[in-house]
C-alpha atoms as a PDB file:
ATOM      1  CA  MET A   1       6.405  76.718 134.138  1.00  0.00           C
ATOM      2  CA  ALA A   2       5.059  73.186 134.637  1.00  0.00           C
ATOM      3  CA  ARG A   3       5.257  71.525 138.046  1.00  0.00           C
ATOM      4  CA  TYR A   4       7.954  68.856 138.242  1.00  0.00           C
ATOM      5  CA  ALA A   5       7.830  65.770 140.435  1.00  0.00           C
ATOM      6  CA  PRO A   6      10.470  65.053 143.121  1.00  0.00           C
ATOM      7  CA  ALA A   7      13.556  63.034 142.209  1.00  0.00           C
ATOM      8  CA  LYS A   8      13.057  59.283 142.057  1.00  0.00           C
ATOM      9  CA  LYS A   9      15.828  57.307 143.699  1.00  0.00           C
ATOM     10  CA  SER A  10      14.836  54.211 141.711  1.00  0.00           C
ATOM     11  CA  LEU A  11      15.845  56.006 138.493  1.00  0.00           C
ATOM     12  CA  GLY A  12      19.068  57.428 139.913  1.00  0.00           C
ATOM     13  CA  GLN A  13      17.852  60.995 139.414  1.00  0.00           C
ATOM     14  CA  ASN A  14      20.117  63.886 140.416  1.00  0.00           C
ATOM     15  CA  PHE A  15      18.928  67.128 138.839  1.00  0.00           C
ATOM     16  CA  LEU A  16      21.512  69.687 137.749  1.00  0.00           C
ATOM     17  CA  THR A  17      20.803  73.101 139.315  1.00  0.00           C
ATOM     18  CA  ASP A  18      24.077  75.024 138.916  1.00  0.00           C
ATOM     19  CA  ARG A  19      23.702  77.589 136.126  1.00  0.00           C
ATOM     20  CA  ARG A  20      27.473  77.878 135.760  1.00  0.00           C
ATOM     21  CA  ILE A  21      27.679  74.203 134.758  1.00  0.00           C
ATOM     22  CA  VAL A  22      24.770  74.658 132.360  1.00  0.00           C
ATOM     23  CA  ALA A  23      26.745  77.479 130.731  1.00  0.00           C
ATOM     24  CA  ARG A  24      29.837  75.260 130.440  1.00  0.00           C
ATOM     25  CA  ILE A  25      27.807  72.526 128.741  1.00  0.00           C
ATOM     26  CA  ILE A  26      26.192  74.978 126.333  1.00  0.00           C
ATOM     27  CA  GLY A  27      29.576  76.518 125.537  1.00  0.00           C
ATOM     28  CA  ALA A  28      31.159  73.124 124.894  1.00  0.00           C
ATOM     29  CA  ALA A  29      28.367  72.228 122.452  1.00  0.00           C
ATOM     30  CA  GLU A  30      29.069  75.352 120.327  1.00  0.00           C
ATOM     31  CA  LEU A  31      25.423  75.582 119.290  1.00  0.00           C
ATOM     32  CA  THR A  32      24.066  77.562 116.361  1.00  0.00           C
ATOM     33  CA  ASP A  33      20.498  78.084 115.204  1.00  0.00           C
ATOM     34  CA  ASN A  34      21.147  75.550 112.438  1.00  0.00           C
ATOM     35  CA  ASP A  35      21.942  72.704 114.836  1.00  0.00           C
ATOM     36  CA  ALA A  36      19.710  69.711 115.459  1.00  0.00           C
ATOM     37  CA  VAL A  37      20.172  68.600 119.065  1.00  0.00           C
ATOM     38  CA  LEU A  38      19.257  65.369 120.797  1.00  0.00           C
ATOM     39  CA  GLU A  39      19.111  65.694 124.587  1.00  0.00           C
ATOM     40  CA  ILE A  40      19.111  62.557 126.703  1.00  0.00           C
ATOM     41  CA  GLY A  41      17.706  62.834 130.224  1.00  0.00           C
ATOM     42  CA  PRO A  42      16.292  66.392 130.287  1.00  0.00           C
ATOM     43  CA  GLY A  43      14.923  65.884 133.799  1.00  0.00           C
ATOM     44  CA  ARG A  44      13.307  69.139 134.977  1.00  0.00           C
ATOM     45  CA  GLY A  45      14.468  71.036 131.919  1.00  0.00           C
ATOM     46  CA  VAL A  46      17.239  73.208 133.369  1.00  0.00           C
ATOM     47  CA  LEU A  47      19.452  72.480 130.367  1.00  0.00           C
ATOM     48  CA  THR A  48      16.560  71.960 127.935  1.00  0.00           C
ATOM     49  CA  ARG A  49      15.475  75.612 128.216  1.00  0.00           C
ATOM     50  CA  ASP A  50      18.889  76.874 127.124  1.00  0.00           C
ATOM     51  CA  LEU A  51      19.121  74.307 124.339  1.00  0.00           C
ATOM     52  CA  ALA A  52      15.666  75.299 123.058  1.00  0.00           C
ATOM     53  CA  ALA A  53      16.732  78.943 122.979  1.00  0.00           C
ATOM     54  CA  ARG A  54      19.852  78.251 120.905  1.00  0.00           C
ATOM     55  CA  ALA A  55      19.290  75.195 118.690  1.00  0.00           C
ATOM     56  CA  GLY A  56      17.404  75.038 115.430  1.00  0.00           C
ATOM     57  CA  SER A  57      15.570  71.920 116.602  1.00  0.00           C
ATOM     58  CA  LEU A  58      15.600  69.941 119.819  1.00  0.00           C
ATOM     59  CA  THR A  59      14.427  66.432 120.634  1.00  0.00           C
ATOM     60  CA  ALA A  60      14.586  65.509 124.333  1.00  0.00           C
ATOM     61  CA  VAL A  61      14.270  61.850 125.358  1.00  0.00           C
ATOM     62  CA  GLU A  62      13.014  61.301 128.907  1.00  0.00           C
ATOM     63  CA  LEU A  63      12.369  57.944 130.590  1.00  0.00           C
ATOM     64  CA  ASP A  64      10.380  59.180 133.592  1.00  0.00           C
ATOM     65  CA  ASP A  65       6.599  59.323 132.985  1.00  0.00           C
ATOM     66  CA  ASP A  66       5.962  62.368 135.199  1.00  0.00           C
ATOM     67  CA  LEU A  67       8.907  64.364 133.889  1.00  0.00           C
ATOM     68  CA  ALA A  68       8.044  63.609 130.255  1.00  0.00           C
ATOM     69  CA  ALA A  69       4.493  64.859 130.830  1.00  0.00           C
ATOM     70  CA  ALA A  70       5.679  68.042 132.575  1.00  0.00           C
ATOM     71  CA  LEU A  71       8.225  68.769 129.847  1.00  0.00           C
ATOM     72  CA  THR A  72       5.616  68.230 127.143  1.00  0.00           C
ATOM     73  CA  ALA A  73       3.358  70.758 128.862  1.00  0.00           C
ATOM     74  CA  GLU A  74       6.113  73.327 129.324  1.00  0.00           C
ATOM     75  CA  PHE A  75       7.394  73.218 125.747  1.00  0.00           C
ATOM     76  CA  SER A  76       4.030  72.757 123.999  1.00  0.00           C
ATOM     77  CA  ALA A  77       4.175  76.283 122.553  1.00  0.00           C
ATOM     78  CA  GLN A  78       7.622  75.754 120.987  1.00  0.00           C
ATOM     79  CA  PRO A  79       7.160  73.752 117.775  1.00  0.00           C
ATOM     80  CA  HIS A  80      10.892  73.201 117.284  1.00  0.00           C
ATOM     81  CA  VAL A  81      11.037  71.248 120.578  1.00  0.00           C
ATOM     82  CA  ARG A  82       9.844  67.640 120.772  1.00  0.00           C
ATOM     83  CA  ILE A  83       9.653  65.591 123.957  1.00  0.00           C
ATOM     84  CA  VAL A  84       9.898  61.817 123.523  1.00  0.00           C
ATOM     85  CA  HIS A  85       8.913  59.526 126.384  1.00  0.00           C
ATOM     86  CA  ALA A  86      11.307  56.607 125.916  1.00  0.00           C
ATOM     87  CA  ASP A  87      14.405  54.804 127.193  1.00  0.00           C
ATOM     88  CA  ALA A  88      17.452  56.100 125.316  1.00  0.00           C
ATOM     89  CA  ARG A  89      19.085  52.687 125.684  1.00  0.00           C
ATOM     90  CA  GLU A  90      16.360  51.155 123.529  1.00  0.00           C
ATOM     91  CA  VAL A  91      14.645  53.857 121.460  1.00  0.00           C
ATOM     92  CA  GLU A  92      15.028  53.595 117.695  1.00  0.00           C
ATOM     93  CA  ILE A  93      17.566  56.289 116.825  1.00  0.00           C
ATOM     94  CA  ALA A  94      15.967  57.031 113.443  1.00  0.00           C
ATOM     95  CA  SER A  95      12.683  57.818 115.213  1.00  0.00           C
ATOM     96  CA  VAL A  96      14.203  60.614 117.316  1.00  0.00           C
ATOM     97  CA  ILE A  97      16.551  62.109 114.696  1.00  0.00           C
ATOM     98  CA  PRO A  98      14.618  62.835 111.495  1.00  0.00           C
ATOM     99  CA  SER A  99      16.095  62.447 108.008  1.00  0.00           C
ATOM    100  CA  HIS A 100      19.858  62.101 107.694  1.00  0.00           C
ATOM    101  CA  ALA A 101      20.805  65.520 109.011  1.00  0.00           C
ATOM    102  CA  PRO A 102      23.824  65.810 111.329  1.00  0.00           C
ATOM    103  CA  TYR A 103      23.039  66.247 115.010  1.00  0.00           C
ATOM    104  CA  LYS A 104      24.676  66.910 118.355  1.00  0.00           C
ATOM    105  CA  LEU A 105      23.982  64.831 121.457  1.00  0.00           C
ATOM    106  CA  ILE A 106      23.912  66.463 124.888  1.00  0.00           C
ATOM    107  CA  ALA A 107      23.192  64.488 128.030  1.00  0.00           C
ATOM    108  CA  ASN A 108      23.193  64.631 131.816  1.00  0.00           C
ATOM    109  CA  LEU A 109      23.118  60.881 132.273  1.00  0.00           C
ATOM    110  CA  PRO A 110      22.113  58.762 135.264  1.00  0.00           C
ATOM    111  CA  TYR A 111      25.294  57.004 136.350  1.00  0.00           C
ATOM    112  CA  TYR A 112      23.869  53.508 135.832  1.00  0.00           C
ATOM    113  CA  ALA A 113      22.888  54.269 132.232  1.00  0.00           C
ATOM    114  CA  ALA A 114      25.795  56.483 131.149  1.00  0.00           C
ATOM    115  CA  LEU A 115      28.090  53.923 129.519  1.00  0.00           C
ATOM    116  CA  PRO A 116      25.371  51.955 127.697  1.00  0.00           C
ATOM    117  CA  ILE A 117      24.012  55.186 126.206  1.00  0.00           C
ATOM    118  CA  VAL A 118      27.423  56.569 125.230  1.00  0.00           C
ATOM    119  CA  ARG A 119      28.349  53.224 123.712  1.00  0.00           C
ATOM    120  CA  ARG A 120      25.093  52.972 121.791  1.00  0.00           C
ATOM    121  CA  PHE A 121      25.426  56.340 120.088  1.00  0.00           C
ATOM    122  CA  LEU A 122      29.157  56.063 119.384  1.00  0.00           C
ATOM    123  CA  GLU A 123      28.628  52.689 117.726  1.00  0.00           C
ATOM    124  CA  ALA A 124      25.411  53.665 115.911  1.00  0.00           C
ATOM    125  CA  GLU A 125      25.231  53.914 112.138  1.00  0.00           C
ATOM    126  CA  ARG A 126      23.907  57.450 112.631  1.00  0.00           C
ATOM    127  CA  LYS A 127      26.435  58.887 115.049  1.00  0.00           C
ATOM    128  CA  PRO A 128      26.242  62.430 116.371  1.00  0.00           C
ATOM    129  CA  THR A 129      28.937  64.817 115.177  1.00  0.00           C
ATOM    130  CA  LEU A 130      29.530  65.934 118.753  1.00  0.00           C
ATOM    131  CA  MET A 131      28.658  64.595 122.200  1.00  0.00           C
ATOM    132  CA  VAL A 132      28.687  66.566 125.455  1.00  0.00           C
ATOM    133  CA  VAL A 133      27.888  64.238 128.349  1.00  0.00           C
ATOM    134  CA  MET A 134      27.903  64.327 132.133  1.00  0.00           C
ATOM    135  CA  VAL A 135      29.418  61.221 133.733  1.00  0.00           C
ATOM    136  CA  GLN A 136      31.220  60.262 136.939  1.00  0.00           C
ATOM    137  CA  ARG A 137      34.620  61.938 137.148  1.00  0.00           C
ATOM    138  CA  GLU A 138      36.518  58.634 137.269  1.00  0.00           C
ATOM    139  CA  VAL A 139      34.693  57.479 134.146  1.00  0.00           C
ATOM    140  CA  ALA A 140      35.570  60.772 132.445  1.00  0.00           C
ATOM    141  CA  ARG A 141      39.223  60.339 133.339  1.00  0.00           C
ATOM    142  CA  SER A 142      39.219  56.824 131.923  1.00  0.00           C
ATOM    143  CA  MET A 143      37.523  57.948 128.706  1.00  0.00           C
ATOM    144  CA  THR A 144      40.123  60.667 128.133  1.00  0.00           C
ATOM    145  CA  ALA A 145      43.259  58.867 129.386  1.00  0.00           C
ATOM    146  CA  ALA A 146      46.503  58.983 127.424  1.00  0.00           C
ATOM    147  CA  PRO A 147      48.879  56.011 126.900  1.00  0.00           C
ATOM    148  CA  GLY A 148      50.288  55.128 130.292  1.00  0.00           C
ATOM    149  CA  GLY A 149      46.847  55.271 131.910  1.00  0.00           C
ATOM    150  CA  MET A 150      44.688  53.643 129.242  1.00  0.00           C
ATOM    151  CA  SER A 151      41.873  51.169 129.922  1.00  0.00           C
ATOM    152  CA  LEU A 152      39.316  49.249 127.909  1.00  0.00           C
ATOM    153  CA  LEU A 153      37.018  52.271 128.184  1.00  0.00           C
ATOM    154  CA  SER A 154      39.779  54.604 126.926  1.00  0.00           C
ATOM    155  CA  VAL A 155      40.264  52.548 123.781  1.00  0.00           C
ATOM    156  CA  ALA A 156      36.548  52.032 123.245  1.00  0.00           C
ATOM    157  CA  THR A 157      35.896  55.774 123.410  1.00  0.00           C
ATOM    158  CA  GLN A 158      38.921  57.002 121.486  1.00  0.00           C
ATOM    159  CA  ILE A 159      38.420  54.668 118.547  1.00  0.00           C
ATOM    160  CA  TYR A 160      35.220  56.631 117.811  1.00  0.00           C
ATOM    161  CA  GLY A 161      36.126  60.175 118.778  1.00  0.00           C
ATOM    162  CA  LYS A 162      38.412  62.630 120.513  1.00  0.00           C
ATOM    163  CA  PRO A 163      37.285  63.167 124.126  1.00  0.00           C
ATOM    164  CA  ARG A 164      38.300  65.888 126.554  1.00  0.00           C
ATOM    165  CA  ILE A 165      37.086  66.939 129.988  1.00  0.00           C
ATOM    166  CA  VAL A 166      35.326  70.304 129.901  1.00  0.00           C
ATOM    167  CA  ALA A 167      34.501  70.757 133.585  1.00  0.00           C
ATOM    168  CA  SER A 168      34.584  69.033 136.944  1.00  0.00           C
ATOM    169  CA  VAL A 169      31.180  69.128 138.656  1.00  0.00           C
ATOM    170  CA  PRO A 170      30.892  68.906 142.467  1.00  0.00           C
ATOM    171  CA  PRO A 171      27.978  67.123 144.166  1.00  0.00           C
ATOM    172  CA  ARG A 172      26.495  70.457 145.315  1.00  0.00           C
ATOM    173  CA  ALA A 173      25.675  71.263 141.668  1.00  0.00           C
ATOM    174  CA  PHE A 174      22.808  68.757 141.856  1.00  0.00           C
ATOM    175  CA  ARG A 175      19.625  68.235 143.839  1.00  0.00           C
ATOM    176  CA  PRO A 176      19.674  65.803 145.466  1.00  0.00           C
ATOM    177  CA  ALA A 177      23.454  65.797 145.695  1.00  0.00           C
ATOM    178  CA  PRO A 178      25.133  62.542 144.548  1.00  0.00           C
ATOM    179  CA  LYS A 179      27.917  60.984 146.575  1.00  0.00           C
ATOM    180  CA  VAL A 180      30.512  61.362 143.829  1.00  0.00           C
ATOM    181  CA  THR A 181      32.033  64.148 141.752  1.00  0.00           C
ATOM    182  CA  SER A 182      30.964  64.332 138.118  1.00  0.00           C
ATOM    183  CA  ALA A 183      32.565  65.705 134.970  1.00  0.00           C
ATOM    184  CA  VAL A 184      31.430  67.061 131.634  1.00  0.00           C
ATOM    185  CA  VAL A 185      33.106  65.355 128.676  1.00  0.00           C
ATOM    186  CA  ARG A 186      33.070  66.610 125.104  1.00  0.00           C
ATOM    187  CA  ILE A 187      33.638  63.993 122.394  1.00  0.00           C
ATOM    188  CA  ASP A 188      34.321  65.158 118.850  1.00  0.00           C
ATOM    189  CA  VAL A 189      33.015  62.110 117.017  1.00  0.00           C
ATOM    190  CA  PHE A 190      34.908  60.797 113.996  1.00  0.00           C
ATOM    191  CA  SER A 191      32.914  60.202 110.803  1.00  0.00           C
ATOM    192  CA  GLN A 192      34.691  56.837 110.620  1.00  0.00           C
ATOM    193  CA  PRO A 193      36.408  54.857 113.418  1.00  0.00           C
ATOM    194  CA  ALA A 194      40.056  55.712 113.972  1.00  0.00           C
ATOM    195  CA  LEU A 195      41.035  52.138 113.098  1.00  0.00           C
ATOM    196  CA  SER A 196      39.968  49.944 110.212  1.00  0.00           C
ATOM    197  CA  HIS A 197      38.781  46.493 111.262  1.00  0.00           C
ATOM    198  CA  ASP A 198      36.829  43.632 109.786  1.00  0.00           C
ATOM    199  CA  SER A 199      34.917  43.010 113.027  1.00  0.00           C
ATOM    200  CA  ILE A 200      34.433  45.458 115.887  1.00  0.00           C
ATOM    201  CA  ASP A 201      33.421  42.504 118.081  1.00  0.00           C
ATOM    202  CA  ASP A 202      36.719  40.737 117.429  1.00  0.00           C
ATOM    203  CA  PHE A 203      38.674  43.956 117.953  1.00  0.00           C
ATOM    204  CA  PHE A 204      37.179  44.459 121.410  1.00  0.00           C
ATOM    205  CA  THR A 205      37.711  40.807 122.264  1.00  0.00           C
ATOM    206  CA  LEU A 206      41.415  41.385 121.696  1.00  0.00           C
ATOM    207  CA  VAL A 207      41.455  44.619 123.725  1.00  0.00           C
ATOM    208  CA  ARG A 208      39.454  43.054 126.554  1.00  0.00           C
ATOM    209  CA  ALA A 209      41.929  40.161 126.637  1.00  0.00           C
ATOM    210  CA  GLY A 210      44.796  42.640 126.725  1.00  0.00           C
ATOM    211  CA  PHE A 211      43.347  44.343 129.801  1.00  0.00           C
ATOM    212  CA  SER A 212      42.468  41.078 131.541  1.00  0.00           C
ATOM    213  CA  ALA A 213      45.394  41.595 133.934  1.00  0.00           C
ATOM    214  CA  PRO A 214      46.533  45.244 133.596  1.00  0.00           C
ATOM    215  CA  ARG A 215      49.460  44.897 136.032  1.00  0.00           C
ATOM    216  CA  LYS A 216      51.017  42.095 134.003  1.00  0.00           C
ATOM    217  CA  GLN A 217      53.084  42.362 130.850  1.00  0.00           C
ATOM    218  CA  ILE A 218      51.074  42.440 127.642  1.00  0.00           C
ATOM    219  CA  HIS A 219      52.314  39.058 126.394  1.00  0.00           C
ATOM    220  CA  ASN A 220      51.014  37.392 129.559  1.00  0.00           C
ATOM    221  CA  CYS A 221      47.652  39.139 129.242  1.00  0.00           C
ATOM    222  CA  LEU A 222      47.222  38.000 125.654  1.00  0.00           C
ATOM    223  CA  GLN A 223      48.332  34.458 126.382  1.00  0.00           C
ATOM    224  CA  LYS A 224      45.815  34.123 129.197  1.00  0.00           C
ATOM    225  CA  GLY A 225      43.004  36.280 127.806  1.00  0.00           C
ATOM    226  CA  LEU A 226      43.004  34.684 124.344  1.00  0.00           C
ATOM    227  CA  SER A 227      44.011  31.191 125.505  1.00  0.00           C
ATOM    228  CA  ILE A 228      46.890  31.043 123.046  1.00  0.00           C
ATOM    229  CA  PRO A 229      50.475  29.748 123.333  1.00  0.00           C
ATOM    230  CA  ARG A 230      53.075  32.155 124.720  1.00  0.00           C
ATOM    231  CA  MET A 231      55.034  31.927 121.468  1.00  0.00           C
ATOM    232  CA  ASP A 232      52.006  33.082 119.467  1.00  0.00           C
ATOM    233  CA  ALA A 233      51.456  36.048 121.774  1.00  0.00           C
ATOM    234  CA  GLU A 234      55.080  37.107 121.466  1.00  0.00           C
ATOM    235  CA  THR A 235      55.041  36.645 117.675  1.00  0.00           C
ATOM    236  CA  MET A 236      51.942  38.821 117.350  1.00  0.00           C
ATOM    237  CA  LEU A 237      53.535  41.558 119.450  1.00  0.00           C
ATOM    238  CA  SER A 238      56.729  41.393 117.432  1.00  0.00           C
ATOM    239  CA  HIS A 239      54.803  41.762 114.158  1.00  0.00           C
ATOM    240  CA  ALA A 240      52.976  44.763 115.646  1.00  0.00           C
ATOM    241  CA  GLY A 241      56.254  46.376 116.732  1.00  0.00           C
ATOM    242  CA  ILE A 242      55.308  46.236 120.422  1.00  0.00           C
ATOM    243  CA  ASP A 243      57.726  45.231 123.173  1.00  0.00           C
ATOM    244  CA  ALA A 244      56.298  42.117 124.849  1.00  0.00           C
ATOM    245  CA  SER A 245      57.286  43.406 128.300  1.00  0.00           C
ATOM    246  CA  ARG A 246      55.071  46.507 128.157  1.00  0.00           C
ATOM    247  CA  ARG A 247      51.919  46.875 130.234  1.00  0.00           C
ATOM    248  CA  PRO A 248      48.565  47.083 128.390  1.00  0.00           C
ATOM    249  CA  GLN A 249      47.783  50.571 129.731  1.00  0.00           C
ATOM    250  CA  THR A 250      50.797  51.951 127.822  1.00  0.00           C
ATOM    251  CA  LEU A 251      49.500  50.988 124.370  1.00  0.00           C
ATOM    252  CA  SER A 252      47.987  53.678 122.172  1.00  0.00           C
ATOM    253  CA  VAL A 253      44.833  53.188 120.106  1.00  0.00           C
ATOM    254  CA  ALA A 254      47.018  52.944 116.979  1.00  0.00           C
ATOM    255  CA  GLU A 255      49.112  50.195 118.599  1.00  0.00           C
ATOM    256  CA  TRP A 256      45.974  48.227 119.451  1.00  0.00           C
ATOM    257  CA  GLY A 257      45.114  48.493 115.761  1.00  0.00           C
ATOM    258  CA  SER A 258      48.500  47.109 114.771  1.00  0.00           C
ATOM    259  CA  LEU A 259      48.153  44.298 117.304  1.00  0.00           C
ATOM    260  CA  TYR A 260      44.692  43.462 115.988  1.00  0.00           C
ATOM    261  CA  ALA A 261      46.063  43.185 112.447  1.00  0.00           C
ATOM    262  CA  ALA A 262      48.807  40.839 113.703  1.00  0.00           C
ATOM    263  CA  TRP A 263      46.237  38.736 115.599  1.00  0.00           C
ATOM    264  CA  ARG A 264      43.974  38.406 112.577  1.00  0.00           C
ATOM    265  CA  LEU A 265      46.973  37.387 110.478  1.00  0.00           C
ATOM    266  CA  ARG A 266      47.837  34.692 113.024  1.00  0.00           C
ATOM    267  CA  TYR A 267      44.222  33.627 113.691  1.00  0.00           C
ATOM    268  CA  PRO A 268      42.143  34.540 110.606  1.00  0.00           C
ATOM    269  CA  ASP A 269      39.110  32.469 111.611  1.00  0.00           C
ATOM    270  CA  THR A 270      38.528  34.056 115.028  1.00  0.00           C
ATOM    271  CA  ASP A 271      34.875  34.303 116.075  1.00  0.00           C
ATOM    272  CA  ALA A 272      34.214  36.619 119.000  1.00  0.00           C
ATOM    273  CA  ASN A 273      31.574  38.497 120.936  1.00  0.00           C
ATOM    274  CA  ALA A 274      32.780  41.777 122.369  1.00  0.00           C
ATOM    275  CA  GLN A 275      31.383  44.007 125.081  1.00  0.00           C
ATOM    276  CA  GLY A 276      32.380  47.354 123.570  1.00  0.00           C
ATOM    277  CA  LEU A 277      32.326  50.129 126.182  1.00  0.00           C
ATOM    278  CA  ARG A 278      31.472  47.884 129.098  1.00  0.00           C
ATOM    279  CA  GLU A 279      34.172  47.897 131.761  1.00  0.00           C
ATOM    280  CA  ASP A 280      35.228  44.451 132.985  1.00  0.00           C
END
């Protein structure tokens, strides 16, 4: 086995070492020898080795120079495994997933890069059919929340797929140990978004406005967040069949879709720039 460099604090590296968690990730991915897999952040290869043994093809994208070189050396004799030295936040997706074949994405993500990477692949033209990702536990809970505990991140995940928490992962499962508990999330990605919309940017502008003051009633959030008259906010909510006194965290993804349709009817010329999965 190749020699792997120590963790680099500057890259937020915490290497998974617990084989039980590796098994949970592999089980959640439901791999067959026909699957094409894209792994983000292979690190020292603890998960990569199991993926290589089960998948039909594996492409692993690693940002760290030393780790990418060590992985390339270790897997050089396995032609179905390709190591790509690149930043997953910027790499051209078509260059790491050949042809138009379906693929699964599996990732143990640095905390600072987790949401940008998840967002990028959920919103991509070539989405994976399934994602199994390691994130902070609080992020996982927000991604999978039900109405009553929803957030911008909940909506922005669930419009693209059905997420569920597979496992909670304690700090001792990593070396070095992080200061927070992690979780493995499986997202069954929809072939098309759960809601139809004419502009995803405008949709997320509306949702972001709705969560601008989560403790307030939804009509107040919309009035302030969209800079519109109170009467317009209440009219939109009425058309969407939503009680104006509800809190934004109680709205389902479907209700946000109805509210968006009412907003576009009221303001058809809206021009917006959304932030997608970014938490405000």
